[in-house]
C-alpha atoms as a PDB file:
ATOM      1  CA  MET A   1      -1.867  11.224  -7.912  1.00  0.00           C
ATOM      2  CA  THR A   2      -1.856   8.135  -5.718  1.00  0.00           C
ATOM      3  CA  LYS A   3       0.503   8.505  -2.770  1.00  0.00           C
ATOM      4  CA  ILE A   4       1.579   5.394  -0.901  1.00  0.00           C
ATOM      5  CA  THR A   5       3.385   5.809   2.400  1.00  0.00           C
ATOM      6  CA  PHE A   6       4.946   2.877   4.220  1.00  0.00           C
ATOM      7  CA  TYR A   7       5.406   3.350   7.954  1.00  0.00           C
ATOM      8  CA  LYS A   8       8.562   1.741   9.350  1.00  0.00           C
ATOM      9  CA  THR A   9      10.415   1.924  12.626  1.00  0.00           C
ATOM     10  CA  LYS A  10      13.990   3.146  12.930  1.00  0.00           C
ATOM     11  CA  ALA A  11      14.979  -0.540  12.976  1.00  0.00           C
ATOM     12  CA  GLY A  12      13.223  -1.023   9.603  1.00  0.00           C
ATOM     13  CA  LEU A  13      10.177  -2.907  10.905  1.00  0.00           C
ATOM     14  CA  TYR A  14       6.876  -2.314   9.144  1.00  0.00           C
ATOM     15  CA  ARG A  15       4.135  -0.628  11.180  1.00  0.00           C
ATOM     16  CA  GLY A  16       1.657  -0.207   8.312  1.00  0.00           C
ATOM     17  CA  PHE A  17       0.976   1.758   5.156  1.00  0.00           C
ATOM     18  CA  LYS A  18      -1.431   4.269   3.649  1.00  0.00           C
ATOM     19  CA  CYS A  19      -2.549   4.538   0.037  1.00  0.00           C
ATOM     20  CA  ASP A  20      -4.259   7.826  -0.744  1.00  0.00           C
ATOM     21  CA  GLY A  21      -5.819   9.375  -3.834  1.00  0.00           C
ATOM     22  CA  HIS A  22      -6.614   8.488  -7.412  1.00  0.00           C
ATOM     23  CA  SER A  23      -3.811   8.439  -9.956  1.00  0.00           C
ATOM     24  CA  GLY A  24      -5.401  10.685 -12.575  1.00  0.00           C
ATOM     25  CA  TYR A  25      -3.796   8.689 -15.383  1.00  0.00           C
ATOM     26  CA  ALA A  26      -7.110   8.309 -17.217  1.00  0.00           C
ATOM     27  CA  ARG A  27     -10.845   8.794 -16.714  1.00  0.00           C
ATOM     28  CA  ARG A  28     -12.615   6.934 -13.948  1.00  0.00           C
ATOM     29  CA  GLY A  29     -13.256   3.366 -15.058  1.00  0.00           C
ATOM     30  CA  GLU A  30     -10.396   3.488 -17.575  1.00  0.00           C
ATOM     31  CA  ASP A  31      -7.488   4.293 -15.264  1.00  0.00           C
ATOM     32  CA  ILE A  32      -5.113   1.323 -15.459  1.00  0.00           C
ATOM     33  CA  VAL A  33      -2.659   2.846 -12.979  1.00  0.00           C
ATOM     34  CA  CYS A  34      -5.371   3.280 -10.342  1.00  0.00           C
ATOM     35  CA  ALA A  35      -6.639  -0.243 -11.040  1.00  0.00           C
ATOM     36  CA  ALA A  36      -3.161  -1.758 -10.719  1.00  0.00           C
ATOM     37  CA  VAL A  37      -2.464   0.050  -7.451  1.00  0.00           C
ATOM     38  CA  SER A  38      -5.878  -0.944  -6.086  1.00  0.00           C
ATOM     39  CA  VAL A  39      -5.383  -4.613  -6.910  1.00  0.00           C
ATOM     40  CA  LEU A  40      -1.970  -4.711  -5.246  1.00  0.00           C
ATOM     41  CA  VAL A  41      -3.143  -2.882  -2.121  1.00  0.00           C
ATOM     42  CA  ILE A  42      -6.389  -4.816  -1.646  1.00  0.00           C
ATOM     43  CA  ASN A  43      -4.707  -8.159  -2.303  1.00  0.00           C
ATOM     44  CA  THR A  44      -1.993  -7.313   0.215  1.00  0.00           C
ATOM     45  CA  VAL A  45      -4.525  -6.360   2.902  1.00  0.00           C
ATOM     46  CA  ASN A  46      -6.454  -9.584   2.268  1.00  0.00           C
ATOM     47  CA  SER A  47      -3.242 -11.631   2.354  1.00  0.00           C
ATOM     48  CA  LEU A  48      -2.082  -9.970   5.581  1.00  0.00           C
ATOM     49  CA  GLU A  49      -5.392 -10.896   7.133  1.00  0.00           C
ATOM     50  CA  GLN A  50      -5.873 -14.420   5.780  1.00  0.00           C
ATOM     51  CA  ILE A  51      -2.343 -15.740   5.153  1.00  0.00           C
ATOM     52  CA  ALA A  52      -0.115 -13.855   7.598  1.00  0.00           C
ATOM     53  CA  VAL A  53      -2.940 -13.526  10.163  1.00  0.00           C
ATOM     54  CA  GLU A  54      -1.606 -10.180  11.375  1.00  0.00           C
ATOM     55  CA  PRO A  55      -3.602  -8.162  13.910  1.00  0.00           C
ATOM     56  CA  MET A  56      -4.296  -4.827  12.232  1.00  0.00           C
ATOM     57  CA  GLU A  57      -6.719  -1.987  11.781  1.00  0.00           C
ATOM     58  CA  VAL A  58      -7.805  -1.173   8.247  1.00  0.00           C
ATOM     59  CA  ASN A  59      -9.754   1.901   7.193  1.00  0.00           C
ATOM     60  CA  ALA A  60     -10.883   2.522   3.627  1.00  0.00           C
ATOM     61  CA  ASP A  61     -12.784   5.199   1.754  1.00  0.00           C
ATOM     62  CA  GLU A  62     -13.480   4.316  -1.868  1.00  0.00           C
ATOM     63  CA  GLU A  63     -14.528   7.849  -2.817  1.00  0.00           C
ATOM     64  CA  SER A  64     -11.218   9.431  -1.785  1.00  0.00           C
ATOM     65  CA  GLY A  65      -9.201   6.359  -2.753  1.00  0.00           C
ATOM     66  CA  THR A  66      -7.797   5.897   0.735  1.00  0.00           C
ATOM     67  CA  VAL A  67      -6.764   2.608   2.335  1.00  0.00           C
ATOM     68  CA  GLU A  68      -4.842   2.711   5.595  1.00  0.00           C
ATOM     69  CA  CYS A  69      -3.473  -0.370   7.332  1.00  0.00           C
ATOM     70  CA  ARG A  70      -1.871  -0.162  10.779  1.00  0.00           C
ATOM     71  CA  PHE A  71      -0.507  -3.154  12.664  1.00  0.00           C
ATOM     72  CA  THR A  72      -1.655  -3.464  16.262  1.00  0.00           C
ATOM     73  CA  ALA A  73       1.047  -5.918  17.413  1.00  0.00           C
ATOM     74  CA  PRO A  74       4.513  -4.546  18.234  1.00  0.00           C
ATOM     75  CA  LYS A  75       6.167  -6.598  15.471  1.00  0.00           C
ATOM     76  CA  VAL A  76       4.911  -8.249  12.288  1.00  0.00           C
ATOM     77  CA  GLY A  77       5.866 -11.761  11.262  1.00  0.00           C
ATOM     78  CA  GLU A  78       8.046 -12.853   8.370  1.00  0.00           C
ATOM     79  CA  ALA A  79       5.064 -13.536   6.082  1.00  0.00           C
ATOM     80  CA  ALA A  80       3.797  -9.976   6.590  1.00  0.00           C
ATOM     81  CA  ARG A  81       7.251  -8.534   5.911  1.00  0.00           C
ATOM     82  CA  VAL A  82       7.484 -10.460   2.639  1.00  0.00           C
ATOM     83  CA  LEU A  83       3.984  -9.362   1.607  1.00  0.00           C
ATOM     84  CA  LEU A  84       4.802  -5.700   2.311  1.00  0.00           C
ATOM     85  CA  ASP A  85       8.159  -5.934   0.519  1.00  0.00           C
ATOM     86  CA  SER A  86       6.276  -7.400  -2.443  1.00  0.00           C
ATOM     87  CA  LEU A  87       3.701  -4.589  -2.317  1.00  0.00           C
ATOM     88  CA  ALA A  88       6.470  -1.983  -2.252  1.00  0.00           C
ATOM     89  CA  LEU A  89       8.196  -3.675  -5.200  1.00  0.00           C
ATOM     90  CA  GLY A  90       5.012  -3.784  -7.282  1.00  0.00           C
ATOM     91  CA  LEU A  91       4.144  -0.164  -6.520  1.00  0.00           C
ATOM     92  CA  ALA A  92       7.695   0.970  -7.308  1.00  0.00           C
ATOM     93  CA  ARG A  93       7.476  -0.760 -10.695  1.00  0.00           C
ATOM     94  CA  ILE A  94       4.195   1.025 -11.441  1.00  0.00           C
ATOM     95  CA  ALA A  95       5.775   4.376 -10.508  1.00  0.00           C
ATOM     96  CA  ASP A  96       8.806   3.589 -12.700  1.00  0.00           C
ATOM     97  CA  GLU A  97       6.643   2.576 -15.655  1.00  0.00           C
ATOM     98  CA  TYR A  98       4.014   5.322 -15.551  1.00  0.00           C
ATOM     99  CA  GLY A  99       5.761   8.111 -13.654  1.00  0.00           C
ATOM    100  CA  ASN A 100       5.780   9.692 -10.220  1.00  0.00           C
ATOM    101  CA  GLN A 101       3.113  12.149 -11.296  1.00  0.00           C
ATOM    102  CA  TYR A 102       0.600   9.258 -11.093  1.00  0.00           C
ATOM    103  CA  CYS A 103       2.013   7.032  -8.342  1.00  0.00           C
ATOM    104  CA  ARG A 104       4.457   8.089  -5.639  1.00  0.00           C
ATOM    105  CA  LEU A 105       5.954   5.799  -3.021  1.00  0.00           C
ATOM    106  CA  THR A 106       7.523   7.047   0.235  1.00  0.00           C
ATOM    107  CA  PHE A 107       8.773   5.569   3.475  1.00  0.00           C
ATOM    108  CA  GLU A 108       8.170   7.343   6.776  1.00  0.00           C
ATOM    109  CA  GLU A 109       9.849   6.586  10.075  1.00  0.00           C
ATOM    110  CA  VAL A 110       7.439   6.116  12.972  1.00  0.00           C
END
């Protein structure tokens, strides 16, 4: 299962997110759930870097299916908030369509 955790402050401000694991929906190379999650996550990281120009630390491990993004500034801008809201929406739709046994979305207060 792919687990995606969004880190938010008590005030609801994004501090980052972590995507971990492979969905297990289908065999490697044929897993459309894993591919959809990967596209959304990678595109969001690229957009945060190139469009929103947010200072952040990103760590990834393709083998384990882990991507972690942590913001280094105390507050993210409006563009970053919209991008992360969009990521959460897309991931929630994948979980709704294919089931929480393949993709699970959580929010953690930090």
